[in-house]
Amino acid sequence: MRVLVVEDDPSLLKVICDIFEQESFLVDRAETGDEGYYMAEQAIYDLMILDVMLPGIDGVDIVRKLRSQSNRVPIILVTARDAVEDRVAGLDAGADDYVTKPFAVSELLARTRAVLRRHGTIDQEGELVWNSIRLMPAVRDASHRERMLQLTATEYKLLEFFICNKDQILTREQIFDRVWGFDSGSATSAVDVYIHHLRKKLTGTGADQALRTVRGIGYLFKGEPYV
């Protein structure tokens, strides 16, 4: 899964990014509120770790702006220990949880798991589940009825993004930025090619029919199995 970390303290930013990379997350980072808000607007993240006090737009305003756009990305705020008003304002604006500085690695990861479970992103075992398909983010493997699907790294990232964003129309640009990255030299036409390959490997699982083309826009993955 992909996480966006927005923190203006370089040393703390590195620590948080290292924590999530060790947990097999793909990590993007920003050091200002404006940069973080711009990246979050792309709607390609499964989680956002957001400092409250930032240069430019502050964390609470970022939360408020994203929620006003119906951006449902799970957000965990990072606040100063004595900033009760920041925590209250952030939660009222739509943040999902918070950690206070300084924090323990175990607490941040526990809060992350809890937030992702509440959003239905992962189950109690930390896996992504759709019908009889199970994705194991720690090893980036997928199975159907205990049979491995033999997905390439790119196909796995595509399926993960769709399952994490069930019932949402995803544009080709969103999919490309999420899977290939902002700085990729590939073209967005790669999205259609790899989704064609993914559908073939999902034949017989039900997911191939749940993955629908939205003409002129992108793709939609249905939350419930196709009947």
C-alpha atoms as a PDB file:
ATOM      1  CA  MET A   1       0.000   0.000   0.000  1.00  0.00           C
ATOM      2  CA  ARG A   2       1.062   3.619  -0.486  1.00  0.00           C
ATOM      3  CA  VAL A   3       1.359   6.188   2.310  1.00  0.00           C
ATOM      4  CA  LEU A   4       1.952   9.935   2.110  1.00  0.00           C
ATOM      5  CA  VAL A   5       3.975  11.409   4.985  1.00  0.00           C
ATOM      6  CA  VAL A   6       3.829  15.199   5.417  1.00  0.00           C
ATOM      7  CA  GLU A   7       6.288  16.492   8.041  1.00  0.00           C
ATOM      8  CA  ASP A   8       8.551  19.553   8.047  1.00  0.00           C
ATOM      9  CA  ASP A   9      11.133  18.178  10.501  1.00  0.00           C
ATOM     10  CA  PRO A  10      13.629  16.325   8.239  1.00  0.00           C
ATOM     11  CA  SER A  11      14.805  13.931  10.949  1.00  0.00           C
ATOM     12  CA  LEU A  12      11.267  12.970  12.017  1.00  0.00           C
ATOM     13  CA  LEU A  13      10.213  12.717   8.375  1.00  0.00           C
ATOM     14  CA  LYS A  14      12.986  10.195   7.760  1.00  0.00           C
ATOM     15  CA  VAL A  15      12.069   8.195  10.868  1.00  0.00           C
ATOM     16  CA  ILE A  16       8.403   7.927   9.893  1.00  0.00           C
ATOM     17  CA  CYS A  17       9.213   7.038   6.282  1.00  0.00           C
ATOM     18  CA  ASP A  18      11.676   4.368   7.436  1.00  0.00           C
ATOM     19  CA  ILE A  19       9.010   2.862   9.715  1.00  0.00           C
ATOM     20  CA  PHE A  20       6.531   2.453   6.869  1.00  0.00           C
ATOM     21  CA  GLU A  21       9.101   1.256   4.351  1.00  0.00           C
ATOM     22  CA  GLN A  22      10.099  -1.480   6.810  1.00  0.00           C
ATOM     23  CA  GLU A  23       6.416  -2.476   6.904  1.00  0.00           C
ATOM     24  CA  SER A  24       6.424  -2.846   3.087  1.00  0.00           C
ATOM     25  CA  PHE A  25       4.521   0.372   2.346  1.00  0.00           C
ATOM     26  CA  LEU A  26       5.397   2.470  -0.664  1.00  0.00           C
ATOM     27  CA  VAL A  27       6.181   5.904   0.764  1.00  0.00           C
ATOM     28  CA  ASP A  28       5.913   9.409  -0.679  1.00  0.00           C
ATOM     29  CA  ARG A  29       6.946  12.431   1.355  1.00  0.00           C
ATOM     30  CA  ALA A  30       6.390  16.176   1.537  1.00  0.00           C
ATOM     31  CA  GLU A  31       7.884  18.857   3.810  1.00  0.00           C
ATOM     32  CA  THR A  32       5.350  21.672   3.358  1.00  0.00           C
ATOM     33  CA  GLY A  33       1.602  21.889   3.668  1.00  0.00           C
ATOM     34  CA  ASP A  34       1.168  23.125   0.103  1.00  0.00           C
ATOM     35  CA  GLU A  35       3.178  20.263  -1.375  1.00  0.00           C
ATOM     36  CA  GLY A  36       1.431  17.713   0.831  1.00  0.00           C
ATOM     37  CA  TYR A  37      -2.008  19.036  -0.067  1.00  0.00           C
ATOM     38  CA  TYR A  38      -1.221  18.951  -3.777  1.00  0.00           C
ATOM     39  CA  MET A  39      -0.031  15.330  -3.548  1.00  0.00           C
ATOM     40  CA  ALA A  40      -3.000  14.259  -1.421  1.00  0.00           C
ATOM     41  CA  GLU A  41      -5.393  15.809  -3.954  1.00  0.00           C
ATOM     42  CA  GLN A  42      -4.269  13.217  -6.504  1.00  0.00           C
ATOM     43  CA  ALA A  43      -6.270  10.643  -4.472  1.00  0.00           C
ATOM     44  CA  ILE A  44      -3.788   7.789  -4.899  1.00  0.00           C
ATOM     45  CA  TYR A  45      -2.942   7.053  -1.252  1.00  0.00           C
ATOM     46  CA  ASP A  46      -4.180   4.435   1.207  1.00  0.00           C
ATOM     47  CA  LEU A  47      -3.014   6.416   4.242  1.00  0.00           C
ATOM     48  CA  MET A  48      -1.751   9.879   5.133  1.00  0.00           C
ATOM     49  CA  ILE A  49       0.478  10.742   8.112  1.00  0.00           C
ATOM     50  CA  LEU A  50       0.091  14.490   8.575  1.00  0.00           C
ATOM     51  CA  ASP A  51       1.862  16.921  10.890  1.00  0.00           C
ATOM     52  CA  VAL A  52      -0.376  19.690  12.224  1.00  0.00           C
ATOM     53  CA  MET A  53       2.153  22.530  12.240  1.00  0.00           C
ATOM     54  CA  LEU A  54       3.479  22.941   8.695  1.00  0.00           C
ATOM     55  CA  PRO A  55       4.863  25.737   6.518  1.00  0.00           C
ATOM     56  CA  GLY A  56       2.072  26.948   4.233  1.00  0.00           C
ATOM     57  CA  ILE A  57      -1.282  25.233   4.724  1.00  0.00           C
ATOM     58  CA  ASP A  58      -1.450  23.661   8.185  1.00  0.00           C
ATOM     59  CA  GLY A  59      -2.497  20.080   8.770  1.00  0.00           C
ATOM     60  CA  VAL A  60      -5.995  20.813  10.043  1.00  0.00           C
ATOM     61  CA  ASP A  61      -6.789  22.943   6.980  1.00  0.00           C
ATOM     62  CA  ILE A  62      -5.481  20.158   4.726  1.00  0.00           C
ATOM     63  CA  VAL A  63      -7.861  17.694   6.391  1.00  0.00           C
ATOM     64  CA  ARG A  64     -10.756  20.107   6.045  1.00  0.00           C
ATOM     65  CA  LYS A  65     -10.039  20.766   2.357  1.00  0.00           C
ATOM     66  CA  LEU A  66      -9.676  17.078   1.493  1.00  0.00           C
ATOM     67  CA  ARG A  67     -12.902  16.103   3.241  1.00  0.00           C
ATOM     68  CA  SER A  68     -14.778  18.923   1.491  1.00  0.00           C
ATOM     69  CA  GLN A  69     -13.704  17.252  -1.781  1.00  0.00           C
ATOM     70  CA  SER A  70     -15.017  13.867  -0.563  1.00  0.00           C
ATOM     71  CA  ASN A  71     -11.438  12.555  -0.381  1.00  0.00           C
ATOM     72  CA  ARG A  72     -11.739   9.647   2.059  1.00  0.00           C
ATOM     73  CA  VAL A  73      -8.060   8.835   2.537  1.00  0.00           C
ATOM     74  CA  PRO A  74      -7.446   7.691   6.145  1.00  0.00           C
ATOM     75  CA  ILE A  75      -5.519  10.443   7.968  1.00  0.00           C
ATOM     76  CA  ILE A  76      -3.466  10.173  11.149  1.00  0.00           C
ATOM     77  CA  LEU A  77      -2.363  13.519  12.576  1.00  0.00           C
ATOM     78  CA  VAL A  78       0.974  14.040  14.296  1.00  0.00           C
ATOM     79  CA  THR A  79       0.659  16.682  17.029  1.00  0.00           C
ATOM     80  CA  ALA A  80       2.612  18.202  19.904  1.00  0.00           C
ATOM     81  CA  ARG A  81       1.984  16.548  23.275  1.00  0.00           C
ATOM     82  CA  ASP A  82       0.240  19.585  24.789  1.00  0.00           C
ATOM     83  CA  ALA A  83      -1.713  20.674  21.702  1.00  0.00           C
ATOM     84  CA  VAL A  84      -5.154  19.430  22.812  1.00  0.00           C
ATOM     85  CA  GLU A  85      -6.867  22.049  20.672  1.00  0.00           C
ATOM     86  CA  ASP A  86      -4.989  20.751  17.597  1.00  0.00           C
ATOM     87  CA  ARG A  87      -6.182  17.212  18.214  1.00  0.00           C
ATOM     88  CA  VAL A  88      -9.792  18.303  18.736  1.00  0.00           C
ATOM     89  CA  ALA A  89      -9.748  20.574  15.678  1.00  0.00           C
ATOM     90  CA  GLY A  90      -8.178  17.844  13.536  1.00  0.00           C
ATOM     91  CA  LEU A  91     -10.682  15.181  14.554  1.00  0.00           C
ATOM     92  CA  ASP A  92     -13.587  17.592  14.073  1.00  0.00           C
ATOM     93  CA  ALA A  93     -12.233  18.421  10.599  1.00  0.00           C
ATOM     94  CA  GLY A  94     -12.322  14.738   9.647  1.00  0.00           C
ATOM     95  CA  ALA A  95      -8.998  13.162  10.678  1.00  0.00           C
ATOM     96  CA  ASP A  96      -9.255   9.520  11.714  1.00  0.00           C
ATOM     97  CA  ASP A  97      -6.751   9.448  14.579  1.00  0.00           C
ATOM     98  CA  TYR A  98      -3.664  11.133  15.976  1.00  0.00           C
ATOM     99  CA  VAL A  99      -0.345  10.398  17.642  1.00  0.00           C
ATOM    100  CA  THR A 100       1.475  12.820  19.915  1.00  0.00           C
ATOM    101  CA  LYS A 101       5.177  13.666  19.762  1.00  0.00           C
ATOM    102  CA  PRO A 102       7.251  11.875  20.854  1.00  0.00           C
ATOM    103  CA  PHE A 103       5.609   8.581  19.925  1.00  0.00           C
ATOM    104  CA  ALA A 104       6.607   4.928  19.962  1.00  0.00           C
ATOM    105  CA  VAL A 105       6.928   3.033  16.690  1.00  0.00           C
ATOM    106  CA  SER A 106       4.589   0.352  18.017  1.00  0.00           C
ATOM    107  CA  GLU A 107       1.900   2.948  18.772  1.00  0.00           C
ATOM    108  CA  LEU A 108       2.064   4.487  15.292  1.00  0.00           C
ATOM    109  CA  LEU A 109       1.803   1.068  13.641  1.00  0.00           C
ATOM    110  CA  ALA A 110      -1.027  -0.029  15.953  1.00  0.00           C
ATOM    111  CA  ARG A 111      -2.996   3.125  15.169  1.00  0.00           C
ATOM    112  CA  THR A 112      -2.308   2.603  11.467  1.00  0.00           C
ATOM    113  CA  ARG A 113      -3.679  -0.942  11.580  1.00  0.00           C
ATOM    114  CA  ALA A 114      -6.740   0.198  13.535  1.00  0.00           C
ATOM    115  CA  VAL A 115      -7.507   3.013  11.092  1.00  0.00           C
ATOM    116  CA  LEU A 116      -7.092   0.754   8.048  1.00  0.00           C
ATOM    117  CA  ARG A 117      -9.350  -1.877   9.632  1.00  0.00           C
ATOM    118  CA  ARG A 118     -12.035   0.716  10.328  1.00  0.00           C
ATOM    119  CA  HIS A 119     -11.901   1.807   6.701  1.00  0.00           C
ATOM    120  CA  GLY A 120     -12.211  -1.813   5.594  1.00  0.00           C
ATOM    121  CA  THR A 121      -8.814  -1.722   3.913  1.00  0.00           C
ATOM    122  CA  ILE A 122      -7.341  -4.664   5.826  1.00  0.00           C
ATOM    123  CA  ASP A 123      -8.714  -7.491   7.968  1.00  0.00           C
ATOM    124  CA  GLN A 124      -7.567  -8.681  11.393  1.00  0.00           C
ATOM    125  CA  GLU A 125      -4.635 -10.531   9.811  1.00  0.00           C
ATOM    126  CA  GLY A 126      -3.470  -7.404   8.005  1.00  0.00           C
ATOM    127  CA  GLU A 127      -4.531  -8.758   4.602  1.00  0.00           C
ATOM    128  CA  LEU A 128      -6.719  -7.269   1.879  1.00  0.00           C
ATOM    129  CA  VAL A 129      -9.762  -9.360   1.063  1.00  0.00           C
ATOM    130  CA  TRP A 130     -12.284  -9.269  -1.780  1.00  0.00           C
ATOM    131  CA  ASN A 131     -14.636 -12.244  -1.995  1.00  0.00           C
ATOM    132  CA  SER A 132     -12.283 -15.270  -2.176  1.00  0.00           C
ATOM    133  CA  ILE A 133      -9.237 -13.231  -3.215  1.00  0.00           C
ATOM    134  CA  ARG A 134      -6.669 -12.431  -0.551  1.00  0.00           C
ATOM    135  CA  LEU A 135      -3.787  -9.989  -0.908  1.00  0.00           C
ATOM    136  CA  MET A 136      -0.816 -10.179   1.445  1.00  0.00           C
ATOM    137  CA  PRO A 137       0.835  -6.725   1.414  1.00  0.00           C
ATOM    138  CA  ALA A 138       3.846  -7.824   3.459  1.00  0.00           C
ATOM    139  CA  VAL A 139       5.003 -10.173   0.692  1.00  0.00           C
ATOM    140  CA  ARG A 140       2.990  -8.638  -2.179  1.00  0.00           C
ATOM    141  CA  ASP A 141       1.355 -11.897  -3.163  1.00  0.00           C
ATOM    142  CA  ALA A 142      -2.262 -12.645  -4.046  1.00  0.00           C
ATOM    143  CA  SER A 143      -4.266 -15.855  -3.928  1.00  0.00           C
ATOM    144  CA  HIS A 144      -7.695 -17.160  -4.944  1.00  0.00           C
ATOM    145  CA  ARG A 145      -9.061 -20.026  -2.868  1.00  0.00           C
ATOM    146  CA  GLU A 146      -5.490 -20.659  -1.611  1.00  0.00           C
ATOM    147  CA  ARG A 147      -4.122 -20.802  -5.177  1.00  0.00           C
ATOM    148  CA  MET A 148      -1.461 -18.201  -5.921  1.00  0.00           C
ATOM    149  CA  LEU A 149      -2.388 -15.882  -8.795  1.00  0.00           C
ATOM    150  CA  GLN A 150       1.182 -15.405 -10.036  1.00  0.00           C
ATOM    151  CA  LEU A 151       0.855 -11.646 -10.536  1.00  0.00           C
ATOM    152  CA  THR A 152       3.728  -9.451 -11.616  1.00  0.00           C
ATOM    153  CA  ALA A 153       4.686  -6.566  -9.304  1.00  0.00           C
ATOM    154  CA  THR A 154       2.749  -4.108 -11.472  1.00  0.00           C
ATOM    155  CA  GLU A 155      -0.334  -6.336 -11.673  1.00  0.00           C
ATOM    156  CA  TYR A 156      -0.275  -6.752  -7.900  1.00  0.00           C
ATOM    157  CA  LYS A 157      -0.124  -2.970  -7.373  1.00  0.00           C
ATOM    158  CA  LEU A 158      -3.073  -2.504  -9.722  1.00  0.00           C
ATOM    159  CA  LEU A 159      -5.233  -5.091  -7.954  1.00  0.00           C
ATOM    160  CA  GLU A 160      -4.293  -3.687  -4.551  1.00  0.00           C
ATOM    161  CA  PHE A 161      -5.272  -0.164  -5.617  1.00  0.00           C
ATOM    162  CA  PHE A 162      -8.619  -1.361  -6.945  1.00  0.00           C
ATOM    163  CA  ILE A 163      -9.476  -3.375  -3.835  1.00  0.00           C
ATOM    164  CA  CYS A 164      -8.500  -0.462  -1.576  1.00  0.00           C
ATOM    165  CA  ASN A 165     -10.797   1.815  -3.594  1.00  0.00           C
ATOM    166  CA  LYS A 166     -13.827  -0.371  -4.222  1.00  0.00           C
ATOM    167  CA  ASP A 167     -16.829   1.353  -5.821  1.00  0.00           C
ATOM    168  CA  GLN A 168     -14.829   4.455  -6.743  1.00  0.00           C
ATOM    169  CA  ILE A 169     -14.159   5.518 -10.311  1.00  0.00           C
ATOM    170  CA  LEU A 170     -10.395   5.833 -10.764  1.00  0.00           C
ATOM    171  CA  THR A 171      -9.067   7.828 -13.691  1.00  0.00           C
ATOM    172  CA  ARG A 172      -6.222   6.527 -15.810  1.00  0.00           C
ATOM    173  CA  GLU A 173      -4.098   9.382 -14.481  1.00  0.00           C
ATOM    174  CA  GLN A 174      -4.769   8.390 -10.860  1.00  0.00           C
ATOM    175  CA  ILE A 175      -3.940   4.774 -11.581  1.00  0.00           C
ATOM    176  CA  PHE A 176      -0.773   5.715 -13.446  1.00  0.00           C
ATOM    177  CA  ASP A 177       0.464   8.044 -10.683  1.00  0.00           C
ATOM    178  CA  ARG A 178      -0.271   5.444  -8.007  1.00  0.00           C
ATOM    179  CA  VAL A 179       1.280   2.418  -9.713  1.00  0.00           C
ATOM    180  CA  TRP A 180       4.021   3.884 -11.899  1.00  0.00           C
ATOM    181  CA  GLY A 181       4.750   7.065  -9.920  1.00  0.00           C
ATOM    182  CA  PHE A 182       4.752  10.777 -10.711  1.00  0.00           C
ATOM    183  CA  ASP A 183       8.215  10.688 -12.268  1.00  0.00           C
ATOM    184  CA  SER A 184       7.780   7.610 -14.451  1.00  0.00           C
ATOM    185  CA  GLY A 185       8.927   7.828 -18.046  1.00  0.00           C
ATOM    186  CA  SER A 186       6.138   5.491 -19.183  1.00  0.00           C
ATOM    187  CA  ALA A 187       2.928   6.676 -20.842  1.00  0.00           C
ATOM    188  CA  THR A 188      -0.572   6.412 -19.373  1.00  0.00           C
ATOM    189  CA  SER A 189      -1.408   3.943 -22.164  1.00  0.00           C
ATOM    190  CA  ALA A 190       0.491   1.398 -20.032  1.00  0.00           C
ATOM    191  CA  VAL A 191      -2.530   1.382 -17.694  1.00  0.00           C
ATOM    192  CA  ASP A 192      -4.819  -0.209 -20.275  1.00  0.00           C
ATOM    193  CA  VAL A 193      -2.179  -2.743 -21.311  1.00  0.00           C
ATOM    194  CA  TYR A 194      -1.508  -3.963 -17.773  1.00  0.00           C
ATOM    195  CA  ILE A 195      -5.191  -4.016 -16.828  1.00  0.00           C
ATOM    196  CA  HIS A 196      -5.776  -6.257 -19.851  1.00  0.00           C
ATOM    197  CA  HIS A 197      -3.087  -8.626 -18.515  1.00  0.00           C
ATOM    198  CA  LEU A 198      -4.530  -8.446 -14.996  1.00  0.00           C
ATOM    199  CA  ARG A 199      -8.037  -9.302 -16.180  1.00  0.00           C
ATOM    200  CA  LYS A 200      -6.742 -12.406 -17.949  1.00  0.00           C
ATOM    201  CA  LYS A 201      -5.055 -13.626 -14.758  1.00  0.00           C
ATOM    202  CA  LEU A 202      -8.231 -12.927 -12.751  1.00  0.00           C
ATOM    203  CA  THR A 203     -10.423 -15.016 -15.067  1.00  0.00           C
ATOM    204  CA  GLY A 204     -12.588 -17.334 -13.010  1.00  0.00           C
ATOM    205  CA  THR A 205     -12.196 -15.385  -9.763  1.00  0.00           C
ATOM    206  CA  GLY A 206     -15.100 -12.989 -10.325  1.00  0.00           C
ATOM    207  CA  ALA A 207     -12.742 -10.042 -10.054  1.00  0.00           C
ATOM    208  CA  ASP A 208     -12.285  -9.899 -13.811  1.00  0.00           C
ATOM    209  CA  GLN A 209     -15.985  -9.026 -14.169  1.00  0.00           C
ATOM    210  CA  ALA A 210     -15.961  -6.703 -11.157  1.00  0.00           C
ATOM    211  CA  LEU A 211     -13.222  -4.644 -12.836  1.00  0.00           C
ATOM    212  CA  ARG A 212     -15.194  -2.482 -15.243  1.00  0.00           C
ATOM    213  CA  THR A 213     -14.131   0.074 -17.811  1.00  0.00           C
ATOM    214  CA  VAL A 214     -15.650   3.541 -17.502  1.00  0.00           C
ATOM    215  CA  ARG A 215     -15.364   4.839 -21.038  1.00  0.00           C
ATOM    216  CA  GLY A 216     -13.440   8.051 -21.444  1.00  0.00           C
ATOM    217  CA  ILE A 217     -12.492   8.148 -17.752  1.00  0.00           C
ATOM    218  CA  GLY A 218     -10.865   5.041 -16.333  1.00  0.00           C
ATOM    219  CA  TYR A 219     -11.960   2.025 -14.299  1.00  0.00           C
ATOM    220  CA  LEU A 220     -14.305   0.981 -11.500  1.00  0.00           C
ATOM    221  CA  PHE A 221     -13.890  -2.049  -9.246  1.00  0.00           C
ATOM    222  CA  LYS A 222     -17.180  -3.189  -7.750  1.00  0.00           C
ATOM    223  CA  GLY A 223     -17.168  -3.786  -4.010  1.00  0.00           C
ATOM    224  CA  GLU A 224     -19.492  -6.780  -4.189  1.00  0.00           C
ATOM    225  CA  PRO A 225     -18.883  -9.806  -6.407  1.00  0.00           C
ATOM    226  CA  TYR A 226     -20.451  -9.536  -9.835  1.00  0.00           C
ATOM    227  CA  VAL A 227     -23.628 -11.568 -10.243  1.00  0.00           C
END
